[in-house]
């Protein structure tokens, strides 16, 4: 089974139509997050698919995306009602 790694996926999309598509795309991988920053646990293949799909969607002159891998053994700090990210035993993709 492919190992999953924890990433933060953040995006800034200038056009409302592309923004909605980007939100749906990231939401398909997200396990948590808010507004335009989400926690995702992709496999290496899912990460490549995500990057490819975002590269086809975004306007390189107007839009931005950041995919930041978080240190796997560091403790996550949360504020308020946030729950620390967790890699569940299974994922359900709609």
C-alpha atoms as a PDB file:
ATOM      1  CA  UNK A   1       0.000   0.000   0.000  1.00  0.00           C
ATOM      2  CA  UNK A   2       1.330   3.448  -0.927  1.00  0.00           C
ATOM      3  CA  UNK A   3       2.343   5.679   1.953  1.00  0.00           C
ATOM      4  CA  UNK A   4       0.453   8.918   2.365  1.00  0.00           C
ATOM      5  CA  UNK A   5       2.119  12.158   3.441  1.00  0.00           C
ATOM      6  CA  UNK A   6       0.511  15.209   5.013  1.00  0.00           C
ATOM      7  CA  UNK A   7       0.479  18.360   2.877  1.00  0.00           C
ATOM      8  CA  UNK A   8      -1.073  21.782   3.095  1.00  0.00           C
ATOM      9  CA  UNK A   9      -2.675  22.740  -0.203  1.00  0.00           C
ATOM     10  CA  UNK A  10      -3.328  26.460  -0.604  1.00  0.00           C
ATOM     11  CA  UNK A  11      -4.550  28.333  -3.645  1.00  0.00           C
ATOM     12  CA  UNK A  12      -5.293  31.874  -4.785  1.00  0.00           C
ATOM     13  CA  UNK A  13      -7.380  31.915  -7.955  1.00  0.00           C
ATOM     14  CA  UNK A  14      -8.413  35.204  -9.560  1.00  0.00           C
ATOM     15  CA  UNK A  15     -11.398  34.171 -11.689  1.00  0.00           C
ATOM     16  CA  UNK A  16     -14.601  32.938  -9.947  1.00  0.00           C
ATOM     17  CA  UNK A  17     -15.172  30.051 -12.377  1.00  0.00           C
ATOM     18  CA  UNK A  18     -11.648  28.670 -11.963  1.00  0.00           C
ATOM     19  CA  UNK A  19     -11.891  29.308  -8.216  1.00  0.00           C
ATOM     20  CA  UNK A  20     -14.962  27.069  -7.946  1.00  0.00           C
ATOM     21  CA  UNK A  21     -13.241  24.315  -9.923  1.00  0.00           C
ATOM     22  CA  UNK A  22     -10.057  24.642  -7.816  1.00  0.00           C
ATOM     23  CA  UNK A  23     -12.137  24.470  -4.620  1.00  0.00           C
ATOM     24  CA  UNK A  24     -13.824  21.287  -5.841  1.00  0.00           C
ATOM     25  CA  UNK A  25     -10.532  19.768  -6.972  1.00  0.00           C
ATOM     26  CA  UNK A  26      -8.800  20.401  -3.641  1.00  0.00           C
ATOM     27  CA  UNK A  27     -11.935  19.362  -1.765  1.00  0.00           C
ATOM     28  CA  UNK A  28     -11.750  15.957  -3.442  1.00  0.00           C
ATOM     29  CA  UNK A  29      -8.415  15.337  -1.724  1.00  0.00           C
ATOM     30  CA  UNK A  30      -8.971  17.286   1.519  1.00  0.00           C
ATOM     31  CA  UNK A  31      -9.332  15.766   4.939  1.00  0.00           C
ATOM     32  CA  UNK A  32      -9.715  19.149   6.604  1.00  0.00           C
ATOM     33  CA  UNK A  33      -9.024  22.826   6.235  1.00  0.00           C
ATOM     34  CA  UNK A  34     -10.762  26.122   5.778  1.00  0.00           C
ATOM     35  CA  UNK A  35     -11.322  28.649   3.003  1.00  0.00           C
ATOM     36  CA  UNK A  36      -8.439  28.193   0.559  1.00  0.00           C
ATOM     37  CA  UNK A  37      -6.036  26.168   2.744  1.00  0.00           C
ATOM     38  CA  UNK A  38      -6.638  22.442   3.144  1.00  0.00           C
ATOM     39  CA  UNK A  39      -4.935  19.407   4.654  1.00  0.00           C
ATOM     40  CA  UNK A  40      -4.489  16.568   2.200  1.00  0.00           C
ATOM     41  CA  UNK A  41      -2.961  13.074   2.575  1.00  0.00           C
ATOM     42  CA  UNK A  42      -2.185  12.038  -1.026  1.00  0.00           C
ATOM     43  CA  UNK A  43      -0.235   9.017  -2.145  1.00  0.00           C
ATOM     44  CA  UNK A  44       2.657   9.825  -4.511  1.00  0.00           C
ATOM     45  CA  UNK A  45       0.397   9.026  -7.492  1.00  0.00           C
ATOM     46  CA  UNK A  46      -2.454  11.179  -6.161  1.00  0.00           C
ATOM     47  CA  UNK A  47       0.012  14.023  -5.593  1.00  0.00           C
ATOM     48  CA  UNK A  48       1.149  13.866  -9.247  1.00  0.00           C
ATOM     49  CA  UNK A  49      -2.484  13.748 -10.424  1.00  0.00           C
ATOM     50  CA  UNK A  50      -3.358  16.733  -8.213  1.00  0.00           C
ATOM     51  CA  UNK A  51      -0.426  18.810  -9.490  1.00  0.00           C
ATOM     52  CA  UNK A  52      -1.252  17.941 -13.096  1.00  0.00           C
ATOM     53  CA  UNK A  53      -4.943  18.825 -12.704  1.00  0.00           C
ATOM     54  CA  UNK A  54      -4.101  22.148 -11.016  1.00  0.00           C
ATOM     55  CA  UNK A  55      -1.546  23.002 -13.723  1.00  0.00           C
ATOM     56  CA  UNK A  56      -4.227  22.533 -16.395  1.00  0.00           C
ATOM     57  CA  UNK A  57      -6.719  24.666 -14.459  1.00  0.00           C
ATOM     58  CA  UNK A  58      -4.713  27.661 -13.278  1.00  0.00           C
ATOM     59  CA  UNK A  59      -3.600  30.728 -15.196  1.00  0.00           C
ATOM     60  CA  UNK A  60       0.130  30.867 -14.476  1.00  0.00           C
ATOM     61  CA  UNK A  61       0.167  34.681 -14.702  1.00  0.00           C
ATOM     62  CA  UNK A  62      -2.772  35.330 -12.351  1.00  0.00           C
ATOM     63  CA  UNK A  63      -3.243  32.332 -10.041  1.00  0.00           C
ATOM     64  CA  UNK A  64      -1.115  30.603  -7.413  1.00  0.00           C
ATOM     65  CA  UNK A  65      -1.063  27.215  -5.735  1.00  0.00           C
ATOM     66  CA  UNK A  66       1.148  25.971  -2.915  1.00  0.00           C
ATOM     67  CA  UNK A  67       1.604  22.345  -1.947  1.00  0.00           C
ATOM     68  CA  UNK A  68       3.699  22.160   1.209  1.00  0.00           C
ATOM     69  CA  UNK A  69       4.699  18.841   2.747  1.00  0.00           C
ATOM     70  CA  UNK A  70       4.634  18.934   6.520  1.00  0.00           C
ATOM     71  CA  UNK A  71       7.220  17.136   8.641  1.00  0.00           C
ATOM     72  CA  UNK A  72       5.803  13.667   9.305  1.00  0.00           C
ATOM     73  CA  UNK A  73       6.987  13.360  12.897  1.00  0.00           C
ATOM     74  CA  UNK A  74       6.339  16.894  14.100  1.00  0.00           C
ATOM     75  CA  UNK A  75       3.368  17.633  16.311  1.00  0.00           C
ATOM     76  CA  UNK A  76       0.657  19.727  14.647  1.00  0.00           C
ATOM     77  CA  UNK A  77      -0.427  22.811  16.551  1.00  0.00           C
ATOM     78  CA  UNK A  78      -4.051  23.869  16.262  1.00  0.00           C
ATOM     79  CA  UNK A  79      -6.060  26.759  17.640  1.00  0.00           C
ATOM     80  CA  UNK A  80      -9.672  27.109  18.683  1.00  0.00           C
ATOM     81  CA  UNK A  81     -11.850  24.129  17.847  1.00  0.00           C
ATOM     82  CA  UNK A  82      -9.477  22.715  15.242  1.00  0.00           C
ATOM     83  CA  UNK A  83      -8.584  19.038  15.415  1.00  0.00           C
ATOM     84  CA  UNK A  84      -5.058  17.865  14.600  1.00  0.00           C
ATOM     85  CA  UNK A  85      -4.836  16.194  11.166  1.00  0.00           C
ATOM     86  CA  UNK A  86      -4.985  12.422  11.200  1.00  0.00           C
ATOM     87  CA  UNK A  87      -4.280   9.793   8.580  1.00  0.00           C
ATOM     88  CA  UNK A  88      -7.374   7.577   8.883  1.00  0.00           C
ATOM     89  CA  UNK A  89      -7.316   3.872   8.090  1.00  0.00           C
ATOM     90  CA  UNK A  90      -9.422   4.495   4.983  1.00  0.00           C
ATOM     91  CA  UNK A  91     -10.561   7.355   2.756  1.00  0.00           C
ATOM     92  CA  UNK A  92     -13.901   7.726   0.998  1.00  0.00           C
ATOM     93  CA  UNK A  93     -13.808   9.598  -2.302  1.00  0.00           C
ATOM     94  CA  UNK A  94     -17.149  10.705  -3.700  1.00  0.00           C
END
